[in-house]
Amino acid sequence: MTWDLLDIGFMVAKILLVFFIILTLAAYLVLAERRILAWIQDRIGPNRVGPFGLLQPLADVIKMLTKEDLIPAAADRLLFSLAPAMAAIPAILTFSVVPMAAPLTIAGRNVNVQVTDLDVSVLFFLALSSIAVYGVALGGWASNSKYALLGSIRGLSQLISYELSMGLSLVPVVMMAKSLRMADIVNAQADMPFVVYQPIAFLIFLVSIFAECKRIPFDLPEAEGELVAGFHTEYSGMRFGLFFVGEYINIIALGALASVFFLGGWRGPLLPPILWFFIKVTVFSFLFIWVRGTLPRLRYDQLMHLGWKFLTPLALLNILATGWWLALR
């Protein structure tokens, strides 16, 4: 494959555009969460900074950048500094393989509406979800704090167990699409979204991504009643903010992947494809917020039992049932 200046220009433009979009969406998802939770709890929420509080994310960024950045004296300074980036970068990289619309024709060329179109993009996503574990592990270990360490150990066991059920829930999708390429998976849903054929896989994937994001009811690594703030207890300033930037980008990324794997991605009637994709991602983001304001936190033993004793065996049975169904078609 030969590259010319136009190809390089398209690639740089897509990288900058995706980077701008996901950071902006993550910032305003924080505002949306605070306003929706205030509505659920019959409060007002942030409404002072700018019209209707729309400049609150900018105020939050300025606050994080200007707060004092403290590093505990007994901490491992290198690992302590790297951990927040390890939590945020995999979530950002996930967006590089998410197809947001059908390829566009620009200047006589077919341009994919994603940074890169990998033939094994599903495996790339699963690899990045594995790497995200290191941000939690390093943050707790490098802090040299018992509360942060306990939070990171909880996070490691939680992420590893639910990553297994999440990966197994995608096997029937790959079997039906006969491809590991996300664009092929979306195209395979031209007639019917996979959620119709695979409701069990969809529910397993949905529960697993809640646990992967460490959100209520699965926010055990950050259980403030037990571990102060969990693995990021000793962090302050923008390093503290990066953990949450990674969390909210992860919410958007996993919502985008759920729409690609089970809801047909950009496909839908009447509206433009990119708008359909945005609507589906918004619905998943609202679901994350709604569940946070509705459900209580599970006990840790309940969390682990749900993953290993229920979701993983159910995902394996679903794979067998899908193979049997495909063989009889």
Protein backbone atom coordinates (compact mmCIF):
# COMPACT_ATOMS: atom_id res chain seq x y z
CA MET A 1 0.00 0.00 0.00
CA THR A 2 1.43 3.35 -1.05
CA TRP A 3 0.62 6.56 0.75
CA ASP A 4 0.60 10.06 -0.77
CA LEU A 5 0.17 13.47 0.84
CA LEU A 6 -3.61 13.36 0.46
CA ASP A 7 -3.82 10.03 2.34
CA ILE A 8 -1.59 11.39 5.10
CA GLY A 9 -3.71 14.54 5.27
CA PHE A 10 -6.91 12.51 5.62
CA MET A 11 -5.32 10.40 8.37
CA VAL A 12 -4.09 13.42 10.36
CA ALA A 13 -7.48 15.14 9.97
CA LYS A 14 -9.32 12.04 11.22
CA ILE A 15 -7.01 11.68 14.22
CA LEU A 16 -7.44 15.33 15.23
CA LEU A 17 -11.20 15.23 14.66
CA VAL A 18 -11.73 12.03 16.66
CA PHE A 19 -9.46 13.33 19.44
CA PHE A 20 -11.43 16.60 19.62
CA ILE A 21 -14.82 14.85 19.49
CA ILE A 22 -14.14 12.29 22.23
CA LEU A 23 -12.57 14.82 24.63
CA THR A 24 -15.46 17.23 24.10
CA LEU A 25 -18.05 14.46 24.53
CA ALA A 26 -16.30 13.22 27.69
CA ALA A 27 -16.27 16.73 29.18
CA TYR A 28 -19.95 17.31 28.49
CA LEU A 29 -20.88 13.79 29.60
CA VAL A 30 -19.65 14.82 33.06
CA LEU A 31 -21.98 17.84 32.93
CA ALA A 32 -24.84 15.72 31.61
CA GLU A 33 -24.33 13.18 34.41
CA ARG A 34 -24.38 15.87 37.08
CA ARG A 35 -27.55 17.42 35.67
CA ILE A 36 -29.36 14.09 35.16
CA LEU A 37 -28.42 12.85 38.64
CA ALA A 38 -29.65 16.16 40.06
CA TRP A 39 -32.95 15.65 38.20
CA ILE A 40 -33.26 12.08 39.52
CA GLN A 41 -32.53 13.25 43.09
CA ASP A 42 -34.75 16.36 42.83
CA ARG A 43 -31.84 18.82 42.94
CA ILE A 44 -30.80 21.66 40.62
CA GLY A 45 -27.29 20.65 39.62
CA PRO A 46 -24.57 22.91 38.15
CA ASN A 47 -26.16 25.91 36.43
CA ARG A 48 -23.95 28.90 37.31
CA VAL A 49 -21.00 28.83 34.92
CA GLY A 50 -22.15 30.13 31.55
CA PRO A 51 -25.67 29.89 30.12
CA PHE A 52 -27.47 26.87 31.64
CA GLY A 53 -24.13 25.80 33.14
CA LEU A 54 -22.66 24.91 29.72
CA LEU A 55 -19.21 26.26 30.63
CA GLN A 56 -18.95 24.08 33.74
CA PRO A 57 -16.62 21.54 32.00
CA LEU A 58 -14.21 24.38 31.17
CA ALA A 59 -14.27 25.54 34.79
CA ASP A 60 -13.59 21.96 35.94
CA VAL A 61 -10.57 21.68 33.61
CA ILE A 62 -9.16 24.99 34.86
CA LYS A 63 -9.68 23.86 38.45
CA MET A 64 -7.86 20.56 37.85
CA LEU A 65 -4.95 22.23 36.03
CA THR A 66 -4.43 24.84 38.76
CA LYS A 67 -4.73 22.54 41.80
CA GLU A 68 -1.49 21.51 43.47
CA ASP A 69 -0.10 18.22 42.14
CA LEU A 70 1.00 16.21 45.16
CA ILE A 71 3.06 13.02 45.10
CA PRO A 72 3.35 11.05 48.38
CA ALA A 73 6.89 10.90 49.71
CA ALA A 74 6.93 7.09 49.79
CA ALA A 75 5.35 6.65 46.33
CA ASP A 76 7.13 5.30 43.24
CA ARG A 77 7.30 8.61 41.34
CA LEU A 78 7.64 7.13 37.84
CA LEU A 79 4.79 4.62 38.12
CA PHE A 80 2.69 7.12 40.06
CA SER A 81 3.00 9.54 37.13
CA LEU A 82 2.36 6.94 34.41
CA ALA A 83 -0.76 5.33 35.91
CA PRO A 84 -3.30 8.06 34.96
CA ALA A 85 -2.10 7.99 31.35
CA MET A 86 -2.35 4.18 31.31
CA ALA A 87 -5.99 4.55 32.34
CA ALA A 88 -6.87 7.17 29.68
CA ILE A 89 -4.84 6.18 26.60
CA PRO A 90 -6.40 2.73 25.93
CA ALA A 91 -9.88 4.28 26.04
CA ILE A 92 -8.83 6.91 23.50
CA LEU A 93 -7.16 4.33 21.24
CA THR A 94 -10.34 2.22 21.19
CA PHE A 95 -12.01 4.94 19.11
CA SER A 96 -9.44 4.49 16.35
CA VAL A 97 -11.19 1.32 15.13
CA VAL A 98 -14.85 2.27 15.74
CA PRO A 99 -16.71 2.86 12.42
CA MET A 100 -19.07 5.81 12.89
CA ALA A 101 -20.59 5.81 9.37
CA ALA A 102 -20.25 4.17 5.98
CA PRO A 103 -17.15 5.18 3.95
CA LEU A 104 -17.41 8.60 2.29
CA THR A 105 -16.22 9.56 -1.19
CA ILE A 106 -13.94 12.61 -0.94
CA ALA A 107 -11.80 13.83 -3.83
CA GLY A 108 -12.49 10.60 -5.71
CA ARG A 109 -11.35 8.41 -2.81
CA ASN A 110 -13.24 6.19 -0.38
CA VAL A 111 -12.47 7.53 3.08
CA ASN A 112 -13.39 5.45 6.15
CA VAL A 113 -15.12 7.38 8.94
CA GLN A 114 -12.66 5.97 11.48
CA VAL A 115 -8.95 6.40 12.03
CA THR A 116 -7.99 2.92 10.88
CA ASP A 117 -9.89 -0.05 9.48
CA LEU A 118 -8.27 -3.17 10.93
CA ASP A 119 -9.25 -6.66 9.79
CA VAL A 120 -8.96 -7.76 13.45
CA SER A 121 -10.49 -4.68 15.08
CA VAL A 122 -12.47 -6.82 17.59
CA LEU A 123 -9.22 -8.36 18.84
CA PHE A 124 -7.65 -4.89 18.96
CA PHE A 125 -10.48 -3.69 21.20
CA LEU A 126 -10.13 -6.71 23.52
CA ALA A 127 -6.36 -6.14 23.73
CA LEU A 128 -6.84 -2.49 24.70
CA SER A 129 -9.40 -3.44 27.35
CA SER A 130 -6.74 -5.73 28.85
CA ILE A 131 -4.13 -2.97 28.89
CA ALA A 132 -6.52 -0.62 30.74
CA VAL A 133 -6.13 -2.89 33.80
CA TYR A 134 -2.57 -1.60 34.27
CA GLY A 135 -3.72 1.95 35.01
CA VAL A 136 -5.72 0.71 38.00
CA ALA A 137 -2.97 -1.66 39.14
CA LEU A 138 -0.13 0.87 38.88
CA GLY A 139 -2.15 3.65 40.49
CA GLY A 140 -2.80 1.61 43.62
CA TRP A 141 0.63 -0.03 43.83
CA ALA A 142 2.71 3.11 43.20
CA SER A 143 0.79 5.17 45.78
CA ASN A 144 2.19 3.05 48.65
CA SER A 145 -1.14 3.34 50.46
CA LYS A 146 -3.13 0.43 51.87
CA TYR A 147 -6.46 1.93 50.74
CA ALA A 148 -5.20 2.55 47.20
CA LEU A 149 -3.64 -0.93 47.05
CA LEU A 150 -6.86 -2.64 48.19
CA GLY A 151 -8.78 -0.64 45.58
CA SER A 152 -6.38 -1.66 42.81
CA ILE A 153 -6.55 -5.35 43.83
CA ARG A 154 -10.34 -5.17 43.71
CA GLY A 155 -10.16 -3.44 40.34
CA LEU A 156 -7.78 -6.05 38.91
CA SER A 157 -9.91 -9.02 39.92
CA GLN A 158 -13.08 -7.28 38.74
CA LEU A 159 -11.71 -6.22 35.35
CA ILE A 160 -10.12 -9.60 34.64
CA SER A 161 -13.26 -11.59 35.53
CA TYR A 162 -15.69 -9.41 33.58
CA GLU A 163 -13.34 -9.04 30.63
CA LEU A 164 -13.70 -12.80 30.14
CA SER A 165 -17.50 -12.71 29.98
CA MET A 166 -17.37 -9.62 27.75
CA GLY A 167 -15.06 -11.35 25.27
CA LEU A 168 -17.16 -14.53 25.29
CA SER A 169 -20.32 -12.51 24.61
CA LEU A 170 -18.76 -11.24 21.37
CA VAL A 171 -17.96 -14.71 20.04
CA PRO A 172 -21.54 -15.32 18.75
CA VAL A 173 -21.45 -11.91 17.03
CA VAL A 174 -18.23 -12.84 15.24
CA MET A 175 -19.69 -16.25 14.36
CA MET A 176 -22.75 -14.65 12.76
CA ALA A 177 -20.81 -11.90 10.94
CA LYS A 178 -17.99 -14.32 9.95
CA SER A 179 -15.49 -11.51 10.45
CA LEU A 180 -13.44 -9.75 13.13
CA ARG A 181 -13.69 -6.45 11.26
CA MET A 182 -16.17 -4.03 12.83
CA ALA A 183 -17.37 -2.61 9.49
CA ASP A 184 -18.22 -6.16 8.36
CA ILE A 185 -20.13 -6.73 11.60
CA VAL A 186 -22.20 -3.59 10.97
CA ASN A 187 -22.83 -4.61 7.34
CA ALA A 188 -23.95 -8.08 8.49
CA GLN A 189 -26.78 -6.33 10.38
CA ALA A 190 -28.23 -4.71 7.24
CA ASP A 191 -31.46 -6.73 7.54
CA MET A 192 -31.72 -7.17 11.31
CA PRO A 193 -29.59 -6.00 14.26
CA PHE A 194 -27.85 -8.79 16.15
CA VAL A 195 -29.65 -7.88 19.39
CA VAL A 196 -32.71 -9.65 17.94
CA TYR A 197 -30.78 -12.90 17.39
CA GLN A 198 -28.48 -12.55 20.40
CA PRO A 199 -30.40 -10.97 23.31
CA ILE A 200 -28.48 -13.06 25.86
CA ALA A 201 -25.11 -12.02 24.41
CA PHE A 202 -26.27 -8.39 24.44
CA LEU A 203 -27.28 -8.53 28.11
CA ILE A 204 -24.00 -10.23 29.08
CA PHE A 205 -22.03 -7.60 27.15
CA LEU A 206 -24.06 -4.79 28.74
CA VAL A 207 -23.49 -6.03 32.30
CA SER A 208 -19.80 -6.64 31.54
CA ILE A 209 -19.17 -3.13 30.21
CA PHE A 210 -20.77 -1.69 33.36
CA ALA A 211 -18.24 -3.68 35.36
CA GLU A 212 -15.39 -2.73 32.97
CA CYS A 213 -16.18 0.95 33.52
CA LYS A 214 -16.25 0.43 37.31
CA ARG A 215 -19.65 2.11 37.50
CA ILE A 216 -22.50 1.56 39.96
CA PRO A 217 -23.56 -1.13 40.79
CA PHE A 218 -20.00 -2.40 40.12
CA ASP A 219 -17.89 0.49 41.49
CA LEU A 220 -16.20 -1.61 44.17
CA PRO A 221 -12.64 -0.34 43.41
CA GLU A 222 -13.86 3.15 44.44
CA ALA A 223 -16.14 2.22 47.35
CA GLU A 224 -15.78 5.41 49.40
CA GLY A 225 -17.32 3.88 52.52
CA GLU A 226 -14.58 1.24 52.64
CA LEU A 227 -11.51 2.49 50.71
CA VAL A 228 -11.71 6.33 50.92
CA ALA A 229 -11.52 6.77 47.11
CA GLY A 230 -9.94 3.47 46.10
CA PHE A 231 -6.98 3.21 43.75
CA HIS A 232 -6.76 6.99 43.12
CA THR A 233 -6.93 8.04 46.80
CA GLU A 234 -3.48 9.69 46.76
CA TYR A 235 -3.93 11.55 43.45
CA SER A 236 -4.68 15.24 43.02
CA GLY A 237 -4.76 17.85 40.29
CA MET A 238 -4.86 16.81 36.65
CA ARG A 239 -3.50 13.33 37.41
CA PHE A 240 -6.68 12.74 39.42
CA GLY A 241 -8.68 14.21 36.55
CA LEU A 242 -7.09 11.88 33.98
CA PHE A 243 -8.52 8.83 35.73
CA PHE A 244 -11.99 10.26 35.26
CA VAL A 245 -11.29 11.42 31.71
CA GLY A 246 -10.43 7.80 30.93
CA GLU A 247 -13.58 6.58 32.67
CA TYR A 248 -15.92 8.86 30.74
CA ILE A 249 -14.18 8.24 27.41
CA ASN A 250 -14.52 4.54 28.17
CA ILE A 251 -18.27 4.97 28.70
CA ILE A 252 -18.60 6.59 25.27
CA ALA A 253 -16.32 4.03 23.61
CA LEU A 254 -18.11 1.02 25.09
CA GLY A 255 -21.49 2.53 24.20
CA ALA A 256 -20.24 2.96 20.63
CA LEU A 257 -19.03 -0.65 20.54
CA ALA A 258 -22.33 -1.95 21.92
CA SER A 259 -24.15 -0.14 19.12
CA VAL A 260 -21.71 -1.54 16.54
CA PHE A 261 -21.90 -5.14 17.78
CA PHE A 262 -25.62 -5.40 18.53
CA LEU A 263 -27.63 -2.41 17.25
CA GLY A 264 -26.39 -2.09 13.68
CA GLY A 265 -23.93 0.75 14.24
CA TRP A 266 -24.72 3.66 11.94
CA ARG A 267 -27.63 1.87 10.26
CA GLY A 268 -31.18 3.20 10.61
CA PRO A 269 -34.06 4.62 8.58
CA LEU A 270 -34.56 8.23 7.40
CA LEU A 271 -31.85 9.96 9.44
CA PRO A 272 -28.19 10.37 8.32
CA PRO A 273 -25.95 7.44 9.39
CA ILE A 274 -23.67 9.53 11.62
CA LEU A 275 -26.75 10.87 13.44
CA TRP A 276 -28.06 7.34 14.05
CA PHE A 277 -24.68 6.38 15.48
CA PHE A 278 -24.66 9.43 17.76
CA ILE A 279 -28.21 8.70 18.97
CA LYS A 280 -27.35 5.11 19.89
CA VAL A 281 -24.19 6.14 21.75
CA THR A 282 -26.19 8.83 23.60
CA VAL A 283 -28.79 6.26 24.67
CA PHE A 284 -26.09 4.00 26.13
CA SER A 285 -24.44 6.97 27.91
CA PHE A 286 -27.82 7.93 29.43
CA LEU A 287 -28.28 4.31 30.54
CA PHE A 288 -24.94 4.42 32.40
CA ILE A 289 -26.03 7.60 34.20
CA TRP A 290 -29.56 6.37 34.91
CA VAL A 291 -28.29 3.12 36.47
CA ARG A 292 -25.86 5.10 38.64
CA GLY A 293 -28.72 7.15 40.03
CA THR A 294 -31.00 4.15 40.54
CA LEU A 295 -29.24 0.99 41.74
CA PRO A 296 -27.30 0.32 44.96
CA ARG A 297 -23.75 -1.03 45.04
CA LEU A 298 -23.26 -4.81 45.17
CA ARG A 299 -21.16 -6.52 47.82
CA TYR A 300 -17.79 -7.66 46.53
CA ASP A 301 -18.57 -11.37 46.85
CA GLN A 302 -21.81 -10.83 44.90
CA LEU A 303 -19.86 -9.03 42.21
CA MET A 304 -17.40 -11.90 41.74
CA HIS A 305 -20.06 -14.62 41.93
CA LEU A 306 -22.12 -12.90 39.24
CA GLY A 307 -19.14 -12.84 36.88
CA TRP A 308 -17.65 -16.30 37.40
CA LYS A 309 -20.68 -18.40 38.38
CA PHE A 310 -23.37 -16.90 36.17
CA LEU A 311 -22.22 -14.68 33.28
CA THR A 312 -19.24 -16.77 32.12
CA PRO A 313 -21.09 -20.14 32.05
CA LEU A 314 -24.10 -18.46 30.41
CA ALA A 315 -21.83 -16.94 27.74
CA LEU A 316 -20.29 -20.36 27.02
CA LEU A 317 -23.73 -21.97 26.70
CA ASN A 318 -24.79 -19.17 24.36
CA ILE A 319 -21.76 -19.86 22.14
CA LEU A 320 -22.73 -23.54 21.93
CA ALA A 321 -26.35 -22.67 21.14
CA THR A 322 -25.27 -20.22 18.45
CA GLY A 323 -22.99 -22.79 16.83
CA TRP A 324 -25.80 -25.35 16.85
CA TRP A 325 -28.22 -22.84 15.32
CA LEU A 326 -25.77 -21.77 12.61
CA ALA A 327 -25.02 -25.42 11.76
CA LEU A 328 -28.73 -26.17 11.23
CA ARG A 329 -29.43 -23.11 9.03
